[in-house]
PDB file of N, CA and C in Angstrom:
ATOM      1  N   MET A   1       9.833 -32.254  29.470  1.00  0.00           N
ATOM      2  CA  MET A   1      11.118 -31.711  30.055  1.00  0.00           C
ATOM      3  C   MET A   1      10.252 -30.195  30.462  1.00  0.00           C
ATOM      4  N   SER A   2      10.300 -29.831  31.896  1.00  0.00           N
ATOM      5  CA  SER A   2       9.710 -28.723  32.102  1.00  0.00           C
ATOM      6  C   SER A   2      10.923 -27.915  33.388  1.00  0.00           C
ATOM      7  N   GLY A   3      10.725 -26.698  33.067  1.00  0.00           N
ATOM      8  CA  GLY A   3      11.252 -25.582  33.620  1.00  0.00           C
ATOM      9  C   GLY A   3      11.758 -24.729  32.553  1.00  0.00           C
ATOM     10  N   ARG A   4      12.267 -23.942  33.150  1.00  0.00           N
ATOM     11  CA  ARG A   4      12.828 -23.127  31.812  1.00  0.00           C
ATOM     12  C   ARG A   4      14.132 -23.304  31.260  1.00  0.00           C
ATOM     13  N   ILE A   5      14.306 -23.105  29.863  1.00  0.00           N
ATOM     14  CA  ILE A   5      15.355 -23.257  29.710  1.00  0.00           C
ATOM     15  C   ILE A   5      16.845 -22.377  29.505  1.00  0.00           C
ATOM     16  N   CYS A   6      17.827 -23.045  29.656  1.00  0.00           N
ATOM     17  CA  CYS A   6      19.081 -22.238  29.479  1.00  0.00           C
ATOM     18  C   CYS A   6      19.746 -22.071  28.646  1.00  0.00           C
ATOM     19  N   TYR A   7      19.630 -20.780  28.180  1.00  0.00           N
ATOM     20  CA  TYR A   7      20.279 -20.549  26.488  1.00  0.00           C
ATOM     21  C   TYR A   7      21.263 -20.859  26.405  1.00  0.00           C
ATOM     22  N   ALA A   8      22.275 -20.733  27.593  1.00  0.00           N
ATOM     23  CA  ALA A   8      23.598 -20.548  27.633  1.00  0.00           C
ATOM     24  C   ALA A   8      24.101 -21.957  27.492  1.00  0.00           C
ATOM     25  N   ARG A   9      23.514 -22.610  28.234  1.00  0.00           N
ATOM     26  CA  ARG A   9      23.770 -24.609  28.148  1.00  0.00           C
ATOM     27  C   ARG A   9      23.397 -24.954  26.648  1.00  0.00           C
ATOM     28  N   ALA A  10      22.387 -24.617  26.360  1.00  0.00           N
ATOM     29  CA  ALA A  10      21.938 -24.932  24.865  1.00  0.00           C
ATOM     30  C   ALA A  10      22.469 -24.393  23.648  1.00  0.00           C
ATOM     31  N   ALA A  11      23.300 -23.508  23.636  1.00  0.00           N
ATOM     32  CA  ALA A  11      24.089 -22.733  22.774  1.00  0.00           C
ATOM     33  C   ALA A  11      22.905 -21.878  21.608  1.00  0.00           C
ATOM     34  N   ILE A  12      21.559 -21.984  22.099  1.00  0.00           N
ATOM     35  CA  ILE A  12      20.794 -21.056  21.570  1.00  0.00           C
ATOM     36  C   ILE A  12      21.013 -19.478  21.640  1.00  0.00           C
ATOM     37  N   PRO A  13      20.984 -19.037  20.870  1.00  0.00           N
ATOM     38  CA  PRO A  13      20.638 -17.455  20.817  1.00  0.00           C
ATOM     39  C   PRO A  13      19.634 -16.893  21.701  1.00  0.00           C
ATOM     40  N   ALA A  14      19.434 -16.128  22.467  1.00  0.00           N
ATOM     41  CA  ALA A  14      18.025 -15.792  23.274  1.00  0.00           C
ATOM     42  C   ALA A  14      16.585 -15.100  22.518  1.00  0.00           C
ATOM     43  N   SER A  15      17.241 -14.328  21.119  1.00  0.00           N
ATOM     44  CA  SER A  15      16.701 -14.009  20.346  1.00  0.00           C
ATOM     45  C   SER A  15      15.718 -14.997  19.371  1.00  0.00           C
ATOM     46  N   VAL A  16      16.145 -16.238  19.628  1.00  0.00           N
ATOM     47  CA  VAL A  16      15.302 -17.304  18.911  1.00  0.00           C
ATOM     48  C   VAL A  16      14.180 -17.654  19.352  1.00  0.00           C
ATOM     49  N   ARG A  17      13.909 -17.408  20.710  1.00  0.00           N
ATOM     50  CA  ARG A  17      12.487 -17.464  21.007  1.00  0.00           C
ATOM     51  C   ARG A  17      11.754 -16.192  20.691  1.00  0.00           C
ATOM     52  N   CYS A  18      12.237 -15.370  20.306  1.00  0.00           N
ATOM     53  CA  CYS A  18      11.088 -14.025  19.542  1.00  0.00           C
ATOM     54  C   CYS A  18      10.789 -14.019  18.343  1.00  0.00           C
ATOM     55  N   MET A  19      11.443 -14.924  17.796  1.00  0.00           N
ATOM     56  CA  MET A  19      11.516 -14.550  16.184  1.00  0.00           C
ATOM     57  C   MET A  19      10.124 -15.152  15.784  1.00  0.00           C
ATOM     58  N   ALA A  20       8.893 -15.529  16.335  1.00  0.00           N
ATOM     59  CA  ALA A  20       7.772 -15.678  15.758  1.00  0.00           C
ATOM     60  C   ALA A  20       6.757 -14.666  15.390  1.00  0.00           C
ATOM     61  N   PRO A  21       6.136 -14.309  14.418  1.00  0.00           N
ATOM     62  CA  PRO A  21       5.874 -13.115  14.381  1.00  0.00           C
ATOM     63  C   PRO A  21       4.521 -12.735  15.016  1.00  0.00           C
ATOM     64  N   SER A  22       4.370 -11.815  15.456  1.00  0.00           N
ATOM     65  CA  SER A  22       3.072 -11.268  16.617  1.00  0.00           C
ATOM     66  C   SER A  22       2.130 -10.865  16.019  1.00  0.00           C
ATOM     67  N   PRO A  23       1.023 -11.145  16.128  1.00  0.00           N
ATOM     68  CA  PRO A  23      -0.414 -10.511  15.493  1.00  0.00           C
ATOM     69  C   PRO A  23      -0.152  -9.471  15.160  1.00  0.00           C
ATOM     70  N   LEU A  24       0.097  -8.424  16.083  1.00  0.00           N
ATOM     71  CA  LEU A  24       0.361  -7.377  15.628  1.00  0.00           C
ATOM     72  C   LEU A  24       1.082  -6.866  14.332  1.00  0.00           C
ATOM     73  N   THR A  25       2.227  -7.422  13.870  1.00  0.00           N
ATOM     74  CA  THR A  25       2.966  -7.619  12.827  1.00  0.00           C
ATOM     75  C   THR A  25       2.435  -8.147  11.908  1.00  0.00           C
ATOM     76  N   ALA A  26       1.846  -9.084  12.168  1.00  0.00           N
ATOM     77  CA  ALA A  26       1.098  -9.639  10.564  1.00  0.00           C
ATOM     78  C   ALA A  26       0.093  -8.836  10.218  1.00  0.00           C
ATOM     79  N   ALA A  27      -0.822  -8.291  11.164  1.00  0.00           N
ATOM     80  CA  ALA A  27      -1.899  -7.239  10.767  1.00  0.00           C
ATOM     81  C   ALA A  27      -1.233  -5.994  10.325  1.00  0.00           C
ATOM     82  N   GLU A  28      -0.202  -5.435  10.956  1.00  0.00           N
ATOM     83  CA  GLU A  28       0.797  -4.021  10.010  1.00  0.00           C
ATOM     84  C   GLU A  28       1.098  -4.530   8.539  1.00  0.00           C
ATOM     85  N   GLU A  29       1.408  -5.680   8.802  1.00  0.00           N
ATOM     86  CA  GLU A  29       1.913  -6.284   7.255  1.00  0.00           C
ATOM     87  C   GLU A  29       0.689  -6.034   6.275  1.00  0.00           C
ATOM     88  N   LYS A  30      -0.495  -6.977   6.710  1.00  0.00           N
ATOM     89  CA  LYS A  30      -1.363  -7.029   6.135  1.00  0.00           C
ATOM     90  C   LYS A  30      -2.085  -5.437   5.780  1.00  0.00           C
ATOM     91  N   LEU A  31      -2.174  -4.657   6.389  1.00  0.00           N
ATOM     92  CA  LEU A  31      -2.444  -2.901   6.420  1.00  0.00           C
ATOM     93  C   LEU A  31      -1.401  -2.529   5.006  1.00  0.00           C
ATOM     94  N   ARG A  32      -0.465  -2.873   5.245  1.00  0.00           N
ATOM     95  CA  ARG A  32       0.559  -2.064   4.551  1.00  0.00           C
ATOM     96  C   ARG A  32       0.273  -2.568   2.902  1.00  0.00           C
ATOM     97  N   ARG A  33       0.064  -3.884   2.860  1.00  0.00           N
ATOM     98  CA  ARG A  33      -0.146  -4.723   1.558  1.00  0.00           C
ATOM     99  C   ARG A  33      -1.499  -3.921   0.836  1.00  0.00           C
ATOM    100  N   TRP A  34      -2.527  -3.741   1.923  1.00  0.00           N
ATOM    101  CA  TRP A  34      -3.826  -3.135   1.579  1.00  0.00           C
ATOM    102  C   TRP A  34      -3.585  -1.741   0.969  1.00  0.00           C
ATOM    103  N   ALA A  35      -3.057  -0.939   1.903  1.00  0.00           N
ATOM    104  CA  ALA A  35      -2.465   0.226   1.103  1.00  0.00           C
ATOM    105  C   ALA A  35      -1.784   0.083  -0.068  1.00  0.00           C
ATOM    106  N   GLU A  36      -1.121  -0.434  -0.250  1.00  0.00           N
ATOM    107  CA  GLU A  36      -0.159  -0.402  -1.842  1.00  0.00           C
ATOM    108  C   GLU A  36      -1.390  -0.549  -2.752  1.00  0.00           C
ATOM    109  N   VAL A  37      -2.153  -1.562  -2.676  1.00  0.00           N
ATOM    110  CA  VAL A  37      -3.260  -2.099  -3.388  1.00  0.00           C
ATOM    111  C   VAL A  37      -4.205  -0.466  -3.603  1.00  0.00           C
ATOM    112  N   ASN A  38      -4.640  -0.304  -2.518  1.00  0.00           N
ATOM    113  CA  ASN A  38      -5.529   0.872  -2.737  1.00  0.00           C
ATOM    114  C   ASN A  38      -5.272   2.183  -2.838  1.00  0.00           C
ATOM    115  N   ALA A  39      -3.665   2.412  -3.011  1.00  0.00           N
ATOM    116  CA  ALA A  39      -3.053   3.897  -3.646  1.00  0.00           C
ATOM    117  C   ALA A  39      -3.355   3.328  -4.915  1.00  0.00           C
ATOM    118  N   MET A  40      -3.287   2.484  -5.650  1.00  0.00           N
ATOM    119  CA  MET A  40      -3.826   2.713  -7.231  1.00  0.00           C
ATOM    120  C   MET A  40      -5.071   2.921  -7.403  1.00  0.00           C
ATOM    121  N   ARG A  41      -6.069   2.286  -6.685  1.00  0.00           N
ATOM    122  CA  ARG A  41      -7.422   2.171  -7.246  1.00  0.00           C
ATOM    123  C   ARG A  41      -7.645   4.153  -7.919  1.00  0.00           C
ATOM    124  N   ASP A  42      -7.354   5.080  -7.458  1.00  0.00           N
ATOM    125  CA  ASP A  42      -7.777   6.242  -8.197  1.00  0.00           C
ATOM    126  C   ASP A  42      -7.309   6.531  -9.429  1.00  0.00           C
ATOM    127  N   GLU A  43      -5.931   5.884  -9.664  1.00  0.00           N
ATOM    128  CA  GLU A  43      -5.404   5.961 -11.009  1.00  0.00           C
ATOM    129  C   GLU A  43      -5.989   5.004 -12.036  1.00  0.00           C
ATOM    130  N   ALA A  44      -6.306   3.898 -11.648  1.00  0.00           N
ATOM    131  CA  ALA A  44      -6.997   2.624 -12.300  1.00  0.00           C
ATOM    132  C   ALA A  44      -8.370   3.421 -12.747  1.00  0.00           C
ATOM    133  N   VAL A  45      -9.120   4.002 -11.850  1.00  0.00           N
ATOM    134  CA  VAL A  45     -10.733   4.340 -11.625  1.00  0.00           C
ATOM    135  C   VAL A  45     -10.413   5.515 -12.864  1.00  0.00           C
ATOM    136  N   ARG A  46      -9.360   6.628 -12.982  1.00  0.00           N
ATOM    137  CA  ARG A  46      -9.189   7.497 -13.748  1.00  0.00           C
ATOM    138  C   ARG A  46      -9.066   6.916 -15.183  1.00  0.00           C
ATOM    139  N   GLU A  47      -7.949   5.884 -15.255  1.00  0.00           N
ATOM    140  CA  GLU A  47      -7.688   5.226 -16.572  1.00  0.00           C
ATOM    141  C   GLU A  47      -9.216   4.917 -17.240  1.00  0.00           C
ATOM    142  N   ALA A  48      -9.942   3.733 -16.439  1.00  0.00           N
ATOM    143  CA  ALA A  48     -10.627   3.603 -16.803  1.00  0.00           C
ATOM    144  C   ALA A  48     -11.942   4.455 -17.842  1.00  0.00           C
ATOM    145  N   ALA A  49     -11.755   5.176 -16.708  1.00  0.00           N
ATOM    146  CA  ALA A  49     -13.087   6.521 -17.592  1.00  0.00           C
ATOM    147  C   ALA A  49     -12.386   6.943 -18.639  1.00  0.00           C
ATOM    148  N   ALA A  50     -11.150   7.152 -18.948  1.00  0.00           N
ATOM    149  CA  ALA A  50     -10.251   8.313 -19.929  1.00  0.00           C
ATOM    150  C   ALA A  50     -10.383   6.986 -21.182  1.00  0.00           C
ATOM    151  N   ALA A  51     -10.661   5.756 -20.560  1.00  0.00           N
ATOM    152  CA  ALA A  51     -10.852   4.894 -21.806  1.00  0.00           C
ATOM    153  C   ALA A  51     -12.126   4.646 -22.311  1.00  0.00           C
ATOM    154  N   GLY A  52     -13.252   5.085 -21.498  1.00  0.00           N
ATOM    155  CA  GLY A  52     -14.669   5.158 -22.266  1.00  0.00           C
ATOM    156  C   GLY A  52     -15.506   4.461 -21.680  1.00  0.00           C
ATOM    157  N   VAL A  53     -15.093   3.994 -20.311  1.00  0.00           N
ATOM    158  CA  VAL A  53     -15.649   2.650 -19.430  1.00  0.00           C
ATOM    159  C   VAL A  53     -16.222   3.861 -18.657  1.00  0.00           C
ATOM    160  N   SER A  54     -18.079   3.601 -18.655  1.00  0.00           N
ATOM    161  CA  SER A  54     -18.968   4.128 -18.143  1.00  0.00           C
ATOM    162  C   SER A  54     -18.837   3.920 -16.636  1.00  0.00           C
ATOM    163  N   ILE A  55     -18.986   5.125 -15.872  1.00  0.00           N
ATOM    164  CA  ILE A  55     -19.098   5.047 -14.506  1.00  0.00           C
ATOM    165  C   ILE A  55     -19.808   3.813 -13.718  1.00  0.00           C
ATOM    166  N   HIS A  56     -21.055   3.371 -14.417  1.00  0.00           N
ATOM    167  CA  HIS A  56     -21.739   2.340 -14.246  1.00  0.00           C
ATOM    168  C   HIS A  56     -21.045   1.259 -14.236  1.00  0.00           C
ATOM    169  N   GLN A  57     -20.245   0.895 -15.239  1.00  0.00           N
ATOM    170  CA  GLN A  57     -19.363  -0.621 -15.537  1.00  0.00           C
ATOM    171  C   GLN A  57     -18.269  -0.508 -14.524  1.00  0.00           C
ATOM    172  N   ILE A  58     -17.779   0.522 -13.971  1.00  0.00           N
ATOM    173  CA  ILE A  58     -17.018   0.718 -12.944  1.00  0.00           C
ATOM    174  C   ILE A  58     -17.241   0.364 -11.584  1.00  0.00           C
ATOM    175  N   GLN A  59     -18.166   0.734 -11.879  1.00  0.00           N
ATOM    176  CA  GLN A  59     -19.109   0.377 -10.093  1.00  0.00           C
ATOM    177  C   GLN A  59     -19.166  -0.811 -10.283  1.00  0.00           C
ATOM    178  N   GLN A  60     -19.633  -1.437 -11.184  1.00  0.00           N
ATOM    179  CA  GLN A  60     -20.224  -3.073 -11.254  1.00  0.00           C
ATOM    180  C   GLN A  60     -18.944  -3.899 -11.090  1.00  0.00           C
ATOM    181  N   ILE A  61     -17.828  -3.431 -11.963  1.00  0.00           N
ATOM    182  CA  ILE A  61     -16.482  -4.076 -12.099  1.00  0.00           C
ATOM    183  C   ILE A  61     -15.762  -4.116 -10.616  1.00  0.00           C
ATOM    184  N   THR A  62     -15.813  -2.802  -9.589  1.00  0.00           N
ATOM    185  CA  THR A  62     -15.132  -2.654  -8.538  1.00  0.00           C
ATOM    186  C   THR A  62     -15.872  -3.006  -7.424  1.00  0.00           C
ATOM    187  N   GLY A  63     -17.030  -2.523  -7.268  1.00  0.00           N
ATOM    188  CA  GLY A  63     -17.655  -2.491  -6.122  1.00  0.00           C
ATOM    189  C   GLY A  63     -17.652  -1.134  -5.435  1.00  0.00           C
ATOM    190  N   ILE A  64     -17.044  -0.221  -6.004  1.00  0.00           N
ATOM    191  CA  ILE A  64     -16.683   1.282  -5.301  1.00  0.00           C
ATOM    192  C   ILE A  64     -18.450   1.839  -5.587  1.00  0.00           C
ATOM    193  N   ALA A  65     -18.585   2.674  -5.017  1.00  0.00           N
ATOM    194  CA  ALA A  65     -19.642   3.285  -4.636  1.00  0.00           C
ATOM    195  C   ALA A  65     -19.773   4.466  -5.917  1.00  0.00           C
ATOM    196  N   ARG A  66     -21.012   4.671  -6.579  1.00  0.00           N
ATOM    197  CA  ARG A  66     -20.625   5.831  -7.451  1.00  0.00           C
ATOM    198  C   ARG A  66     -20.572   7.147  -7.379  1.00  0.00           C
ATOM    199  N   THR A  67     -20.853   7.667  -5.606  1.00  0.00           N
ATOM    200  CA  THR A  67     -20.548   8.819  -5.341  1.00  0.00           C
ATOM    201  C   THR A  67     -19.029   8.979  -5.570  1.00  0.00           C
ATOM    202  N   THR A  68     -18.114   7.274  -4.873  1.00  0.00           N
ATOM    203  CA  THR A  68     -16.982   7.678  -4.611  1.00  0.00           C
ATOM    204  C   THR A  68     -16.194   7.532  -6.391  1.00  0.00           C
ATOM    205  N   ILE A  69     -16.713   6.918  -7.206  1.00  0.00           N
ATOM    206  CA  ILE A  69     -16.078   6.953  -8.595  1.00  0.00           C
ATOM    207  C   ILE A  69     -16.267   8.399  -8.530  1.00  0.00           C
ATOM    208  N   ILE A  70     -17.303   9.099  -8.642  1.00  0.00           N
ATOM    209  CA  ILE A  70     -17.428  10.651  -9.274  1.00  0.00           C
ATOM    210  C   ILE A  70     -16.340  11.416  -8.504  1.00  0.00           C
ATOM    211  N   GLY A  71     -16.650  11.492  -7.448  1.00  0.00           N
ATOM    212  CA  GLY A  71     -15.528  12.143  -6.193  1.00  0.00           C
ATOM    213  C   GLY A  71     -14.063  11.810  -6.731  1.00  0.00           C
ATOM    214  N   ILE A  72     -13.545  10.610  -7.262  1.00  0.00           N
ATOM    215  CA  ILE A  72     -12.239  10.277  -7.955  1.00  0.00           C
ATOM    216  C   ILE A  72     -12.145  11.229  -9.127  1.00  0.00           C
ATOM    217  N   LEU A  73     -13.034  10.876  -9.809  1.00  0.00           N
ATOM    218  CA  LEU A  73     -12.949  11.998 -11.395  1.00  0.00           C
ATOM    219  C   LEU A  73     -12.930  13.226 -10.981  1.00  0.00           C
ATOM    220  N   ALA A  74     -13.493  13.537 -10.072  1.00  0.00           N
ATOM    221  CA  ALA A  74     -13.458  14.999  -9.705  1.00  0.00           C
ATOM    222  C   ALA A  74     -12.294  15.537  -9.655  1.00  0.00           C
ATOM    223  N   ARG A  75     -11.225  14.886  -8.682  1.00  0.00           N
ATOM    224  CA  ARG A  75     -10.396  15.341  -8.071  1.00  0.00           C
ATOM    225  C   ARG A  75      -9.394  15.355  -8.842  1.00  0.00           C
ATOM    226  N   ARG A  76      -8.099  16.343  -9.042  1.00  0.00           N
ATOM    227  CA  ARG A  76      -6.850  16.149  -9.371  1.00  0.00           C
ATOM    228  C   ARG A  76      -6.512  14.865  -8.924  1.00  0.00           C
ATOM    229  N   PRO A  77      -5.412  14.606  -9.652  1.00  0.00           N
ATOM    230  CA  PRO A  77      -4.300  13.518  -9.075  1.00  0.00           C
ATOM    231  C   PRO A  77      -3.410  13.967  -8.313  1.00  0.00           C
ATOM    232  N   LYS A  78      -3.189  13.835  -7.322  1.00  0.00           N
ATOM    233  CA  LYS A  78      -1.563  14.053  -6.545  1.00  0.00           C
ATOM    234  C   LYS A  78      -0.399  14.211  -7.007  1.00  0.00           C
ATOM    235  N   ARG A  79       0.061  15.442  -6.932  1.00  0.00           N
ATOM    236  CA  ARG A  79       1.420  15.684  -7.412  1.00  0.00           C
ATOM    237  C   ARG A  79       2.602  15.019  -6.575  1.00  0.00           C
ATOM    238  N   PRO A  80       3.375  14.591  -7.302  1.00  0.00           N
ATOM    239  CA  PRO A  80       4.500  13.890  -6.377  1.00  0.00           C
ATOM    240  C   PRO A  80       5.203  15.246  -6.087  1.00  0.00           C
ATOM    241  N   LEU A  81       6.023  14.738  -4.657  1.00  0.00           N
ATOM    242  CA  LEU A  81       6.405  15.876  -3.975  1.00  0.00           C
ATOM    243  C   LEU A  81       7.846  15.913  -4.387  1.00  0.00           C
ATOM    244  N   LEU A  82       8.311  15.122  -4.916  1.00  0.00           N
ATOM    245  CA  LEU A  82       9.622  15.382  -5.627  1.00  0.00           C
ATOM    246  C   LEU A  82       9.763  15.052  -7.036  1.00  0.00           C
ATOM    247  N   ARG A  83      10.496  15.962  -7.761  1.00  0.00           N
ATOM    248  CA  ARG A  83      10.414  15.376  -8.936  1.00  0.00           C
ATOM    249  C   ARG A  83      12.393  15.389  -9.252  1.00  0.00           C
ATOM    250  N   VAL A  84      12.485  14.675 -10.222  1.00  0.00           N
ATOM    251  CA  VAL A  84      13.626  14.110 -10.607  1.00  0.00           C
ATOM    252  C   VAL A  84      13.980  15.524 -12.055  1.00  0.00           C
ATOM    253  N   VAL A  85      15.111  15.952 -11.394  1.00  0.00           N
ATOM    254  CA  VAL A  85      16.002  16.779 -12.551  1.00  0.00           C
ATOM    255  C   VAL A  85      17.089  16.582 -12.929  1.00  0.00           C
ATOM    256  N   ARG A  86      17.188  16.407 -14.460  1.00  0.00           N
ATOM    257  CA  ARG A  86      18.346  16.198 -15.053  1.00  0.00           C
ATOM    258  C   ARG A  86      19.304  17.260 -14.680  1.00  0.00           C
ATOM    259  N   SER A  87      20.831  16.940 -14.736  1.00  0.00           N
ATOM    260  CA  SER A  87      21.869  17.935 -14.534  1.00  0.00           C
ATOM    261  C   SER A  87      22.277  19.230 -15.674  1.00  0.00           C
ATOM    262  N   ASP A  88      21.378  18.418 -16.921  1.00  0.00           N
ATOM    263  CA  ASP A  88      21.543  19.428 -18.141  1.00  0.00           C
ATOM    264  C   ASP A  88      20.629  20.070 -18.022  1.00  0.00           C
ATOM    265  N   GLU A  89      19.503  20.152 -17.271  1.00  0.00           N
ATOM    266  CA  GLU A  89      18.096  20.742 -17.627  1.00  0.00           C
ATOM    267  C   GLU A  89      18.242  22.079 -16.737  1.00  0.00           C
ATOM    268  N   PRO A  90      18.380  23.301 -17.376  1.00  0.00           N
ATOM    269  CA  PRO A  90      18.143  24.430 -16.783  1.00  0.00           C
ATOM    270  C   PRO A  90      17.040  24.413 -15.585  1.00  0.00           C
ATOM    271  N   GLN A  91      17.553  25.209 -14.365  1.00  0.00           N
ATOM    272  CA  GLN A  91      16.982  25.287 -12.930  1.00  0.00           C
ATOM    273  C   GLN A  91      15.754  26.296 -13.362  1.00  0.00           C
ATOM    274  N   PRO A  92      14.774  26.227 -12.331  1.00  0.00           N
ATOM    275  CA  PRO A  92      13.622  27.410 -12.459  1.00  0.00           C
ATOM    276  C   PRO A  92      13.844  28.658 -11.755  1.00  0.00           C
ATOM    277  N   ASP A  93      13.714  29.558 -12.262  1.00  0.00           N
ATOM    278  CA  ASP A  93      14.218  30.666 -11.605  1.00  0.00           C
ATOM    279  C   ASP A  93      12.902  31.072 -10.055  1.00  0.00           C
TER     280      ASP A  93
END
């Protein structure tokens, strides 16, 4: 079969031909998954250090550079932008 497909005669919605995922969409999804996993990195490093795991051990297990681990431990965790306040909790002044 050669030539153009007439979607009206075939009773196929025109959007069907565009349903294959594009390489751009796949790459963006891969980056989103990576960002989700990477966002937990600092917390995991802090928890390990608090539990007594040495910086050397953290480096060996994770492959994160020693200077990066020291930087993570030196920084304070990011504060959440929003805080849930119960209705019976007094409002701050």
